[in-house]
Amino acid sequence: QLQLVESGGGLVQAGGSLRLSCAASGRTFSIDVMGWFRQAPGKEREFVAGIRRSGGSTYYGHIVKGRFTLSRDNAKNTVYLQMSSLKPEDTAVYYCAVAEEGGPAGYDSGSIYYYGAYDYWGQGTQVTVAS
């Protein structure tokens, strides 16, 4: 099993910044992609960003590209989502997720954007952007 613990959410004013962290423990050797999704009330879960453990290729949802930056520290099995220029519409619960090696994310980069490609999920952290 693999466990994910998110931290760093909170309340911020529009235009401000926050940094989310996600630490993985357990069978971390199986990690292929670590990613972030978000879900606002009444809306579907949407892809925010993802990063491959090997090579560090990053992927961003179009709604956050240019404002959010995802980075990793493989030694700590941790990824960091730096969020800048936050908007009220960024308000959501943000979930960390892991896609294991051998899954669709390994041979189809397009699947990285799809929540079904992920095997493990964190409990979520609330981000609220006040206008």
Foldseek 3Di string as FASTA:
>chain_A
DKAKDKDWADEAAAQAKIKMKIFMDDPLVFFAKKFKWWDDPPDDIWGAKMFGPPPTDIDGDPVQPPFWDKDDDVVRRMIMIIGGNDDQVVWTWMKMFTATPPFPCVPDVVCVGPPVRTDDIHPTDTHGYHD
